[in-house]
């Protein structure tokens, strides 16, 4: 069982404060463009890691089933109120270091604006790979350490840390920027093949967002995103990956497992009980709670 620190948005109104009232319409639109370019046309079961209040979930409409995973039950409840209860969605509270799913369950996964909270990003990526079937699509977004702003600040001696160094930088508590080469190395080590890279949010500057329209900035961003296959200097980078290796697909009817001991669990709301370690996991207000 992991004791790695977890960034907890419990009780937060992050969707409203950061996205709806925070002047980030351009960033949201640019990310929508990137996802549209990278997502498969269709899929069976998608794991959305760091789903929050479901900002991106409607963009995954090509998948028959979407599992929204977040550590915050508050965020998941907001997502549930927005998206509703139907067979297309499952709401799961858990941390990425102790995922409650059997191996080979998903044929797709996304993690957008979430990796930057991971103190052990390589382990997080490996845990995601374990849940995926061979050839599954994994779309990862990460905060880019080697962006133009950080490079200029470093050269002007207004910043101590080196953007060209491959080590992550923690610029605030549990907020990390990553070097593109380090990300690609971790993906390779976890049995992912990088298929495409897009640079996103090139114009994340308050002055530009005040002076120019969201539509205009998004159009410019759309033109520049494909340069990500050549170089990465934007603050945000999207990477499309394919799961490789020899993972067996999950057996029919298998879904959850105990995050403590990895024993498969029967899906028996309102309480799931582990037959091995006797741990119990409640299902309340439509949310499966596997938080350890």
C-alpha atoms as a PDB file:
ATOM      1  CA  UNK A   1       0.000   0.000   0.000  1.00  0.00           C
ATOM      2  CA  UNK A   2       1.394   3.380  -1.024  1.00  0.00           C
ATOM      3  CA  UNK A   3       2.117   6.209   1.373  1.00  0.00           C
ATOM      4  CA  UNK A   4       2.856   8.741  -1.346  1.00  0.00           C
ATOM      5  CA  UNK A   5       1.303  12.199  -0.796  1.00  0.00           C
ATOM      6  CA  UNK A   6      -2.055  12.837  -2.443  1.00  0.00           C
ATOM      7  CA  UNK A   7      -3.378  16.172  -3.683  1.00  0.00           C
ATOM      8  CA  UNK A   8      -6.916  16.369  -2.316  1.00  0.00           C
ATOM      9  CA  UNK A   9      -9.595  18.626  -3.797  1.00  0.00           C
ATOM     10  CA  UNK A  10     -12.195  17.503  -1.266  1.00  0.00           C
ATOM     11  CA  UNK A  11     -14.644  20.310  -0.545  1.00  0.00           C
ATOM     12  CA  UNK A  12     -13.334  22.378  -3.460  1.00  0.00           C
ATOM     13  CA  UNK A  13     -15.419  24.188  -6.062  1.00  0.00           C
ATOM     14  CA  UNK A  14     -12.517  23.939  -8.506  1.00  0.00           C
ATOM     15  CA  UNK A  15     -14.611  23.697 -11.671  1.00  0.00           C
ATOM     16  CA  UNK A  16     -16.414  26.940 -10.971  1.00  0.00           C
ATOM     17  CA  UNK A  17     -13.523  28.951  -9.500  1.00  0.00           C
ATOM     18  CA  UNK A  18     -10.682  27.807 -11.795  1.00  0.00           C
ATOM     19  CA  UNK A  19     -12.467  27.150 -15.082  1.00  0.00           C
ATOM     20  CA  UNK A  20     -15.783  28.984 -15.214  1.00  0.00           C
ATOM     21  CA  UNK A  21     -14.734  32.141 -13.349  1.00  0.00           C
ATOM     22  CA  UNK A  22     -10.961  31.957 -13.807  1.00  0.00           C
ATOM     23  CA  UNK A  23     -10.646  33.312 -17.338  1.00  0.00           C
ATOM     24  CA  UNK A  24      -9.557  30.007 -18.870  1.00  0.00           C
ATOM     25  CA  UNK A  25     -11.963  29.683 -21.782  1.00  0.00           C
ATOM     26  CA  UNK A  26      -9.031  29.691 -24.215  1.00  0.00           C
ATOM     27  CA  UNK A  27      -7.175  26.887 -22.409  1.00  0.00           C
ATOM     28  CA  UNK A  28     -10.350  24.802 -22.277  1.00  0.00           C
ATOM     29  CA  UNK A  29     -11.034  25.315 -25.982  1.00  0.00           C
ATOM     30  CA  UNK A  30      -7.428  24.502 -26.932  1.00  0.00           C
ATOM     31  CA  UNK A  31      -7.573  21.279 -24.923  1.00  0.00           C
ATOM     32  CA  UNK A  32     -10.849  20.349 -26.628  1.00  0.00           C
ATOM     33  CA  UNK A  33      -9.110  20.689 -30.004  1.00  0.00           C
ATOM     34  CA  UNK A  34      -6.239  18.469 -28.868  1.00  0.00           C
ATOM     35  CA  UNK A  35      -8.559  15.765 -27.542  1.00  0.00           C
ATOM     36  CA  UNK A  36     -10.605  15.758 -30.733  1.00  0.00           C
ATOM     37  CA  UNK A  37      -7.397  15.164 -32.699  1.00  0.00           C
ATOM     38  CA  UNK A  38      -6.100  12.368 -30.485  1.00  0.00           C
ATOM     39  CA  UNK A  39      -9.150  10.406 -29.362  1.00  0.00           C
ATOM     40  CA  UNK A  40     -10.133   7.210 -31.197  1.00  0.00           C
ATOM     41  CA  UNK A  41     -13.449   7.367 -33.010  1.00  0.00           C
ATOM     42  CA  UNK A  42     -14.902   4.686 -30.759  1.00  0.00           C
ATOM     43  CA  UNK A  43     -14.050   2.460 -27.817  1.00  0.00           C
ATOM     44  CA  UNK A  44     -15.585   0.194 -25.230  1.00  0.00           C
ATOM     45  CA  UNK A  45     -14.451   1.310 -21.776  1.00  0.00           C
ATOM     46  CA  UNK A  46     -12.449   4.447 -20.882  1.00  0.00           C
ATOM     47  CA  UNK A  47     -10.767   5.279 -17.581  1.00  0.00           C
ATOM     48  CA  UNK A  48     -10.733   9.049 -17.001  1.00  0.00           C
ATOM     49  CA  UNK A  49      -8.103   9.705 -14.337  1.00  0.00           C
ATOM     50  CA  UNK A  50      -8.441  12.964 -12.455  1.00  0.00           C
ATOM     51  CA  UNK A  51     -11.924  13.425 -13.877  1.00  0.00           C
ATOM     52  CA  UNK A  52     -12.788  16.170 -11.402  1.00  0.00           C
ATOM     53  CA  UNK A  53     -16.242  17.620 -11.987  1.00  0.00           C
ATOM     54  CA  UNK A  54     -16.491  16.056 -15.451  1.00  0.00           C
ATOM     55  CA  UNK A  55     -15.240  18.997 -17.529  1.00  0.00           C
ATOM     56  CA  UNK A  56     -13.845  16.737 -20.266  1.00  0.00           C
ATOM     57  CA  UNK A  57     -16.151  13.738 -19.891  1.00  0.00           C
ATOM     58  CA  UNK A  58     -18.653  14.765 -22.625  1.00  0.00           C
ATOM     59  CA  UNK A  59     -15.722  14.866 -25.059  1.00  0.00           C
ATOM     60  CA  UNK A  60     -15.310  11.086 -24.722  1.00  0.00           C
ATOM     61  CA  UNK A  61     -18.681  10.281 -26.283  1.00  0.00           C
ATOM     62  CA  UNK A  62     -17.147   7.663 -28.588  1.00  0.00           C
ATOM     63  CA  UNK A  63     -16.749   5.272 -25.632  1.00  0.00           C
ATOM     64  CA  UNK A  64     -19.649   3.105 -24.503  1.00  0.00           C
ATOM     65  CA  UNK A  65     -18.648   3.283 -20.837  1.00  0.00           C
ATOM     66  CA  UNK A  66     -16.630   5.908 -18.951  1.00  0.00           C
ATOM     67  CA  UNK A  67     -15.230   5.444 -15.459  1.00  0.00           C
ATOM     68  CA  UNK A  68     -14.639   8.802 -13.800  1.00  0.00           C
ATOM     69  CA  UNK A  69     -11.904   8.470 -11.182  1.00  0.00           C
ATOM     70  CA  UNK A  70     -10.908  11.194  -8.765  1.00  0.00           C
ATOM     71  CA  UNK A  71      -9.672  11.320  -5.180  1.00  0.00           C
ATOM     72  CA  UNK A  72     -12.296  13.919  -4.264  1.00  0.00           C
ATOM     73  CA  UNK A  73     -15.840  12.708  -3.663  1.00  0.00           C
ATOM     74  CA  UNK A  74     -16.894  16.364  -3.819  1.00  0.00           C
ATOM     75  CA  UNK A  75     -15.663  16.638  -7.390  1.00  0.00           C
ATOM     76  CA  UNK A  76     -17.281  13.356  -8.360  1.00  0.00           C
ATOM     77  CA  UNK A  77     -20.601  14.428  -6.870  1.00  0.00           C
ATOM     78  CA  UNK A  78     -20.445  17.594  -8.967  1.00  0.00           C
ATOM     79  CA  UNK A  79     -19.735  15.458 -12.032  1.00  0.00           C
ATOM     80  CA  UNK A  80     -22.654  13.172 -11.188  1.00  0.00           C
ATOM     81  CA  UNK A  81     -24.992  16.155 -10.840  1.00  0.00           C
ATOM     82  CA  UNK A  82     -23.824  17.392 -14.241  1.00  0.00           C
ATOM     83  CA  UNK A  83     -23.780  14.102 -16.144  1.00  0.00           C
ATOM     84  CA  UNK A  84     -26.454  12.110 -14.339  1.00  0.00           C
ATOM     85  CA  UNK A  85     -26.784   8.428 -13.498  1.00  0.00           C
ATOM     86  CA  UNK A  86     -26.888   6.010 -16.406  1.00  0.00           C
ATOM     87  CA  UNK A  87     -25.078   2.912 -17.592  1.00  0.00           C
ATOM     88  CA  UNK A  88     -22.495   5.031 -19.443  1.00  0.00           C
ATOM     89  CA  UNK A  89     -20.855   6.395 -16.306  1.00  0.00           C
ATOM     90  CA  UNK A  90     -19.298   5.006 -13.131  1.00  0.00           C
ATOM     91  CA  UNK A  91     -17.976   7.289 -10.417  1.00  0.00           C
ATOM     92  CA  UNK A  92     -14.980   6.016  -8.437  1.00  0.00           C
ATOM     93  CA  UNK A  93     -13.079   7.729  -5.615  1.00  0.00           C
ATOM     94  CA  UNK A  94      -9.534   6.364  -5.343  1.00  0.00           C
ATOM     95  CA  UNK A  95      -5.910   7.411  -5.640  1.00  0.00           C
ATOM     96  CA  UNK A  96      -3.768   6.573  -8.629  1.00  0.00           C
ATOM     97  CA  UNK A  97      -1.198   4.687  -6.560  1.00  0.00           C
ATOM     98  CA  UNK A  98      -3.877   2.219  -5.399  1.00  0.00           C
ATOM     99  CA  UNK A  99      -6.214   1.717  -8.327  1.00  0.00           C
ATOM    100  CA  UNK A 100      -9.210  -0.548  -7.622  1.00  0.00           C
ATOM    101  CA  UNK A 101      -9.395  -2.258 -11.024  1.00  0.00           C
ATOM    102  CA  UNK A 102      -8.334  -5.653 -12.289  1.00  0.00           C
ATOM    103  CA  UNK A 103      -5.558  -5.656 -14.880  1.00  0.00           C
ATOM    104  CA  UNK A 104      -6.422  -5.357 -18.555  1.00  0.00           C
ATOM    105  CA  UNK A 105      -9.864  -3.843 -17.925  1.00  0.00           C
ATOM    106  CA  UNK A 106      -9.819  -0.743 -20.141  1.00  0.00           C
ATOM    107  CA  UNK A 107      -9.222  -0.145 -23.829  1.00  0.00           C
ATOM    108  CA  UNK A 108      -8.679   3.574 -23.279  1.00  0.00           C
ATOM    109  CA  UNK A 109      -7.533   6.053 -20.639  1.00  0.00           C
ATOM    110  CA  UNK A 110      -6.992   9.782 -20.306  1.00  0.00           C
ATOM    111  CA  UNK A 111      -5.217  11.863 -17.693  1.00  0.00           C
ATOM    112  CA  UNK A 112      -5.554  15.609 -18.286  1.00  0.00           C
ATOM    113  CA  UNK A 113      -4.167  18.246 -15.901  1.00  0.00           C
ATOM    114  CA  UNK A 114      -3.536  15.605 -13.265  1.00  0.00           C
ATOM    115  CA  UNK A 115       0.004  14.265 -13.613  1.00  0.00           C
ATOM    116  CA  UNK A 116       1.383  17.549 -12.282  1.00  0.00           C
ATOM    117  CA  UNK A 117       0.075  16.538  -8.837  1.00  0.00           C
ATOM    118  CA  UNK A 118       2.018  13.249  -8.860  1.00  0.00           C
ATOM    119  CA  UNK A 119       5.077  13.065  -6.601  1.00  0.00           C
ATOM    120  CA  UNK A 120       5.873   9.690  -8.222  1.00  0.00           C
ATOM    121  CA  UNK A 121       4.885  10.195 -11.839  1.00  0.00           C
ATOM    122  CA  UNK A 122       6.661   7.060 -13.163  1.00  0.00           C
ATOM    123  CA  UNK A 123       4.708   4.848 -10.755  1.00  0.00           C
ATOM    124  CA  UNK A 124       1.458   6.575 -11.667  1.00  0.00           C
ATOM    125  CA  UNK A 125       2.090   5.893 -15.361  1.00  0.00           C
ATOM    126  CA  UNK A 126       2.958   2.251 -14.651  1.00  0.00           C
ATOM    127  CA  UNK A 127      -0.230   1.778 -12.625  1.00  0.00           C
ATOM    128  CA  UNK A 128      -2.281   3.135 -15.503  1.00  0.00           C
ATOM    129  CA  UNK A 129      -0.601   0.730 -17.907  1.00  0.00           C
ATOM    130  CA  UNK A 130      -1.538  -2.210 -15.683  1.00  0.00           C
ATOM    131  CA  UNK A 131      -5.236  -1.404 -16.072  1.00  0.00           C
ATOM    132  CA  UNK A 132      -5.039  -1.305 -19.879  1.00  0.00           C
ATOM    133  CA  UNK A 133      -5.391  -3.965 -22.532  1.00  0.00           C
ATOM    134  CA  UNK A 134      -2.819  -4.331 -25.291  1.00  0.00           C
ATOM    135  CA  UNK A 135      -3.203  -1.645 -27.977  1.00  0.00           C
ATOM    136  CA  UNK A 136      -5.291   0.524 -25.663  1.00  0.00           C
ATOM    137  CA  UNK A 137      -5.054   4.270 -26.249  1.00  0.00           C
ATOM    138  CA  UNK A 138      -3.717   6.417 -23.412  1.00  0.00           C
ATOM    139  CA  UNK A 139      -3.844  10.202 -23.774  1.00  0.00           C
ATOM    140  CA  UNK A 140      -1.634  11.998 -21.269  1.00  0.00           C
ATOM    141  CA  UNK A 141      -1.351  15.733 -20.678  1.00  0.00           C
ATOM    142  CA  UNK A 142       1.540  17.081 -18.651  1.00  0.00           C
ATOM    143  CA  UNK A 143       2.857  20.457 -17.506  1.00  0.00           C
ATOM    144  CA  UNK A 144       5.986  21.150 -19.525  1.00  0.00           C
ATOM    145  CA  UNK A 145       9.044  22.262 -17.594  1.00  0.00           C
ATOM    146  CA  UNK A 146      10.855  23.266 -20.779  1.00  0.00           C
ATOM    147  CA  UNK A 147       8.436  25.949 -21.939  1.00  0.00           C
ATOM    148  CA  UNK A 148       9.441  29.274 -23.475  1.00  0.00           C
ATOM    149  CA  UNK A 149       8.505  31.330 -20.424  1.00  0.00           C
ATOM    150  CA  UNK A 150      10.645  29.227 -18.071  1.00  0.00           C
ATOM    151  CA  UNK A 151      13.559  29.255 -20.560  1.00  0.00           C
ATOM    152  CA  UNK A 152      13.560  33.051 -20.818  1.00  0.00           C
ATOM    153  CA  UNK A 153      13.217  33.456 -17.057  1.00  0.00           C
ATOM    154  CA  UNK A 154      16.150  31.103 -16.512  1.00  0.00           C
ATOM    155  CA  UNK A 155      18.358  32.887 -19.041  1.00  0.00           C
ATOM    156  CA  UNK A 156      17.504  36.251 -17.450  1.00  0.00           C
ATOM    157  CA  UNK A 157      18.370  34.798 -14.009  1.00  0.00           C
ATOM    158  CA  UNK A 158      14.844  35.363 -12.699  1.00  0.00           C
ATOM    159  CA  UNK A 159      14.426  31.653 -11.989  1.00  0.00           C
ATOM    160  CA  UNK A 160      16.696  29.292 -10.064  1.00  0.00           C
ATOM    161  CA  UNK A 161      15.723  25.937 -11.574  1.00  0.00           C
ATOM    162  CA  UNK A 162      17.005  24.834 -14.951  1.00  0.00           C
ATOM    163  CA  UNK A 163      14.263  24.074 -17.524  1.00  0.00           C
ATOM    164  CA  UNK A 164      16.696  21.886 -19.477  1.00  0.00           C
ATOM    165  CA  UNK A 165      17.347  19.563 -16.533  1.00  0.00           C
ATOM    166  CA  UNK A 166      15.304  16.349 -16.822  1.00  0.00           C
ATOM    167  CA  UNK A 167      14.411  16.197 -13.120  1.00  0.00           C
ATOM    168  CA  UNK A 168      10.850  17.339 -12.213  1.00  0.00           C
ATOM    169  CA  UNK A 169      10.536  20.702 -10.508  1.00  0.00           C
ATOM    170  CA  UNK A 170       8.049  21.200  -7.662  1.00  0.00           C
ATOM    171  CA  UNK A 171       7.184  24.893  -8.013  1.00  0.00           C
ATOM    172  CA  UNK A 172       4.479  24.652  -5.315  1.00  0.00           C
ATOM    173  CA  UNK A 173       3.434  21.925  -2.914  1.00  0.00           C
ATOM    174  CA  UNK A 174       2.440  18.869  -4.992  1.00  0.00           C
ATOM    175  CA  UNK A 175       2.594  20.857  -8.219  1.00  0.00           C
ATOM    176  CA  UNK A 176       5.225  19.571 -10.639  1.00  0.00           C
ATOM    177  CA  UNK A 177       6.492  20.485 -14.084  1.00  0.00           C
ATOM    178  CA  UNK A 178       8.117  17.732 -16.161  1.00  0.00           C
ATOM    179  CA  UNK A 179      10.709  17.590 -18.903  1.00  0.00           C
ATOM    180  CA  UNK A 180       9.424  16.095 -22.199  1.00  0.00           C
ATOM    181  CA  UNK A 181      12.320  13.640 -22.455  1.00  0.00           C
ATOM    182  CA  UNK A 182      11.674  12.347 -18.932  1.00  0.00           C
ATOM    183  CA  UNK A 183       7.996  11.808 -19.748  1.00  0.00           C
ATOM    184  CA  UNK A 184       8.845   9.839 -22.877  1.00  0.00           C
ATOM    185  CA  UNK A 185      11.328   7.706 -20.948  1.00  0.00           C
ATOM    186  CA  UNK A 186       8.761   6.881 -18.265  1.00  0.00           C
ATOM    187  CA  UNK A 187       6.163   6.000 -20.897  1.00  0.00           C
ATOM    188  CA  UNK A 188       8.617   3.678 -22.653  1.00  0.00           C
ATOM    189  CA  UNK A 189       9.581   1.996 -19.373  1.00  0.00           C
ATOM    190  CA  UNK A 190       5.891   1.395 -18.613  1.00  0.00           C
ATOM    191  CA  UNK A 191       5.325  -0.298 -22.010  1.00  0.00           C
ATOM    192  CA  UNK A 192       3.776   2.572 -23.904  1.00  0.00           C
ATOM    193  CA  UNK A 193       4.624   3.522 -27.470  1.00  0.00           C
ATOM    194  CA  UNK A 194       4.394   7.270 -28.106  1.00  0.00           C
ATOM    195  CA  UNK A 195       2.398   7.809 -31.293  1.00  0.00           C
ATOM    196  CA  UNK A 196       1.755  11.554 -31.403  1.00  0.00           C
ATOM    197  CA  UNK A 197       2.591  14.696 -29.454  1.00  0.00           C
ATOM    198  CA  UNK A 198       0.710  18.018 -29.515  1.00  0.00           C
ATOM    199  CA  UNK A 199       1.820  21.270 -27.918  1.00  0.00           C
ATOM    200  CA  UNK A 200      -1.121  23.127 -26.369  1.00  0.00           C
ATOM    201  CA  UNK A 201      -1.929  26.506 -24.786  1.00  0.00           C
ATOM    202  CA  UNK A 202       0.849  28.380 -26.586  1.00  0.00           C
ATOM    203  CA  UNK A 203      -0.780  31.726 -25.757  1.00  0.00           C
ATOM    204  CA  UNK A 204      -1.380  31.248 -22.042  1.00  0.00           C
ATOM    205  CA  UNK A 205      -0.640  34.901 -21.313  1.00  0.00           C
ATOM    206  CA  UNK A 206      -3.149  37.097 -19.472  1.00  0.00           C
ATOM    207  CA  UNK A 207      -2.519  40.138 -21.674  1.00  0.00           C
ATOM    208  CA  UNK A 208      -3.187  38.169 -24.866  1.00  0.00           C
ATOM    209  CA  UNK A 209      -6.312  36.595 -23.417  1.00  0.00           C
ATOM    210  CA  UNK A 210      -7.641  40.050 -22.475  1.00  0.00           C
ATOM    211  CA  UNK A 211      -6.870  41.649 -25.839  1.00  0.00           C
ATOM    212  CA  UNK A 212      -7.683  38.831 -28.260  1.00  0.00           C
ATOM    213  CA  UNK A 213     -10.773  36.672 -28.619  1.00  0.00           C
ATOM    214  CA  UNK A 214     -10.886  33.069 -27.430  1.00  0.00           C
ATOM    215  CA  UNK A 215     -11.810  31.948 -30.949  1.00  0.00           C
ATOM    216  CA  UNK A 216      -8.800  33.705 -32.488  1.00  0.00           C
ATOM    217  CA  UNK A 217      -6.329  32.343 -29.929  1.00  0.00           C
ATOM    218  CA  UNK A 218      -7.774  28.831 -30.266  1.00  0.00           C
ATOM    219  CA  UNK A 219      -7.415  28.998 -34.059  1.00  0.00           C
ATOM    220  CA  UNK A 220      -3.755  29.986 -33.711  1.00  0.00           C
ATOM    221  CA  UNK A 221      -3.206  27.256 -31.155  1.00  0.00           C
ATOM    222  CA  UNK A 222      -4.789  24.712 -33.482  1.00  0.00           C
ATOM    223  CA  UNK A 223      -2.289  25.648 -36.196  1.00  0.00           C
ATOM    224  CA  UNK A 224       0.683  25.251 -33.850  1.00  0.00           C
ATOM    225  CA  UNK A 225      -0.332  22.072 -32.015  1.00  0.00           C
ATOM    226  CA  UNK A 226       1.086  19.631 -34.634  1.00  0.00           C
ATOM    227  CA  UNK A 227       4.579  21.076 -34.106  1.00  0.00           C
ATOM    228  CA  UNK A 228       4.620  19.016 -30.914  1.00  0.00           C
ATOM    229  CA  UNK A 229       5.924  16.042 -32.872  1.00  0.00           C
ATOM    230  CA  UNK A 230       9.086  18.063 -33.583  1.00  0.00           C
ATOM    231  CA  UNK A 231       9.644  20.088 -30.407  1.00  0.00           C
ATOM    232  CA  UNK A 232       7.849  20.929 -27.170  1.00  0.00           C
ATOM    233  CA  UNK A 233       8.060  24.485 -25.820  1.00  0.00           C
ATOM    234  CA  UNK A 234       4.449  25.162 -24.793  1.00  0.00           C
ATOM    235  CA  UNK A 235       3.292  25.046 -21.140  1.00  0.00           C
ATOM    236  CA  UNK A 236       1.070  22.039 -21.825  1.00  0.00           C
ATOM    237  CA  UNK A 237       1.798  18.935 -23.920  1.00  0.00           C
ATOM    238  CA  UNK A 238      -0.619  16.181 -24.967  1.00  0.00           C
ATOM    239  CA  UNK A 239       0.787  12.749 -25.803  1.00  0.00           C
ATOM    240  CA  UNK A 240      -1.109   9.923 -27.491  1.00  0.00           C
ATOM    241  CA  UNK A 241       0.271   6.529 -26.508  1.00  0.00           C
ATOM    242  CA  UNK A 242      -0.464   2.907 -27.345  1.00  0.00           C
ATOM    243  CA  UNK A 243      -0.188   0.178 -24.718  1.00  0.00           C
ATOM    244  CA  UNK A 244       2.256  -2.497 -25.832  1.00  0.00           C
ATOM    245  CA  UNK A 245       3.389  -5.746 -24.240  1.00  0.00           C
ATOM    246  CA  UNK A 246       1.494  -8.878 -23.250  1.00  0.00           C
ATOM    247  CA  UNK A 247      -1.294  -7.862 -20.862  1.00  0.00           C
ATOM    248  CA  UNK A 248      -4.182 -10.324 -20.781  1.00  0.00           C
ATOM    249  CA  UNK A 249      -7.642  -8.752 -21.110  1.00  0.00           C
ATOM    250  CA  UNK A 250      -9.696  -8.851 -17.929  1.00  0.00           C
ATOM    251  CA  UNK A 251     -11.948 -11.885 -17.635  1.00  0.00           C
ATOM    252  CA  UNK A 252     -15.609 -11.376 -18.457  1.00  0.00           C
ATOM    253  CA  UNK A 253     -17.475 -10.083 -15.411  1.00  0.00           C
ATOM    254  CA  UNK A 254     -14.308  -8.955 -13.597  1.00  0.00           C
ATOM    255  CA  UNK A 255     -14.048  -5.267 -12.808  1.00  0.00           C
ATOM    256  CA  UNK A 256     -13.038  -4.069  -9.338  1.00  0.00           C
ATOM    257  CA  UNK A 257     -10.248  -5.358  -7.126  1.00  0.00           C
ATOM    258  CA  UNK A 258      -9.245  -4.532  -3.572  1.00  0.00           C
ATOM    259  CA  UNK A 259      -6.725  -1.658  -3.714  1.00  0.00           C
ATOM    260  CA  UNK A 260      -5.023  -3.053  -0.603  1.00  0.00           C
ATOM    261  CA  UNK A 261      -4.407  -6.660  -1.625  1.00  0.00           C
ATOM    262  CA  UNK A 262      -5.546  -6.768  -5.306  1.00  0.00           C
ATOM    263  CA  UNK A 263      -8.116  -9.520  -4.720  1.00  0.00           C
ATOM    264  CA  UNK A 264     -11.015  -9.300  -7.223  1.00  0.00           C
ATOM    265  CA  UNK A 265     -14.197  -7.882  -5.699  1.00  0.00           C
ATOM    266  CA  UNK A 266     -17.827  -8.657  -6.366  1.00  0.00           C
ATOM    267  CA  UNK A 267     -19.764  -5.558  -7.366  1.00  0.00           C
ATOM    268  CA  UNK A 268     -22.315  -5.554  -4.536  1.00  0.00           C
ATOM    269  CA  UNK A 269     -23.487  -2.023  -3.669  1.00  0.00           C
ATOM    270  CA  UNK A 270     -23.972  -0.494  -1.159  1.00  0.00           C
ATOM    271  CA  UNK A 271     -20.882  -2.260   0.204  1.00  0.00           C
ATOM    272  CA  UNK A 272     -18.043  -4.144  -1.466  1.00  0.00           C
ATOM    273  CA  UNK A 273     -16.184  -6.573   0.797  1.00  0.00           C
ATOM    274  CA  UNK A 274     -12.789  -8.145   0.174  1.00  0.00           C
ATOM    275  CA  UNK A 275     -12.819 -11.890   0.802  1.00  0.00           C
ATOM    276  CA  UNK A 276      -9.075 -11.897   1.436  1.00  0.00           C
ATOM    277  CA  UNK A 277      -8.159  -8.940   3.679  1.00  0.00           C
ATOM    278  CA  UNK A 278     -11.735  -8.155   4.861  1.00  0.00           C
ATOM    279  CA  UNK A 279     -11.488  -4.513   3.769  1.00  0.00           C
ATOM    280  CA  UNK A 280     -14.822  -2.853   3.015  1.00  0.00           C
ATOM    281  CA  UNK A 281     -15.613  -0.159   0.452  1.00  0.00           C
ATOM    282  CA  UNK A 282     -18.920   1.738   0.529  1.00  0.00           C
ATOM    283  CA  UNK A 283     -20.996   2.978  -2.388  1.00  0.00           C
ATOM    284  CA  UNK A 284     -22.712   6.212  -1.401  1.00  0.00           C
ATOM    285  CA  UNK A 285     -24.662   8.625  -3.609  1.00  0.00           C
ATOM    286  CA  UNK A 286     -23.635   6.618  -6.656  1.00  0.00           C
ATOM    287  CA  UNK A 287     -19.901   6.904  -5.873  1.00  0.00           C
ATOM    288  CA  UNK A 288     -17.694   3.873  -5.230  1.00  0.00           C
ATOM    289  CA  UNK A 289     -15.309   4.917  -2.446  1.00  0.00           C
ATOM    290  CA  UNK A 290     -11.974   3.080  -2.499  1.00  0.00           C
ATOM    291  CA  UNK A 291      -9.973   5.738  -0.677  1.00  0.00           C
ATOM    292  CA  UNK A 292      -7.526   4.055   1.714  1.00  0.00           C
END
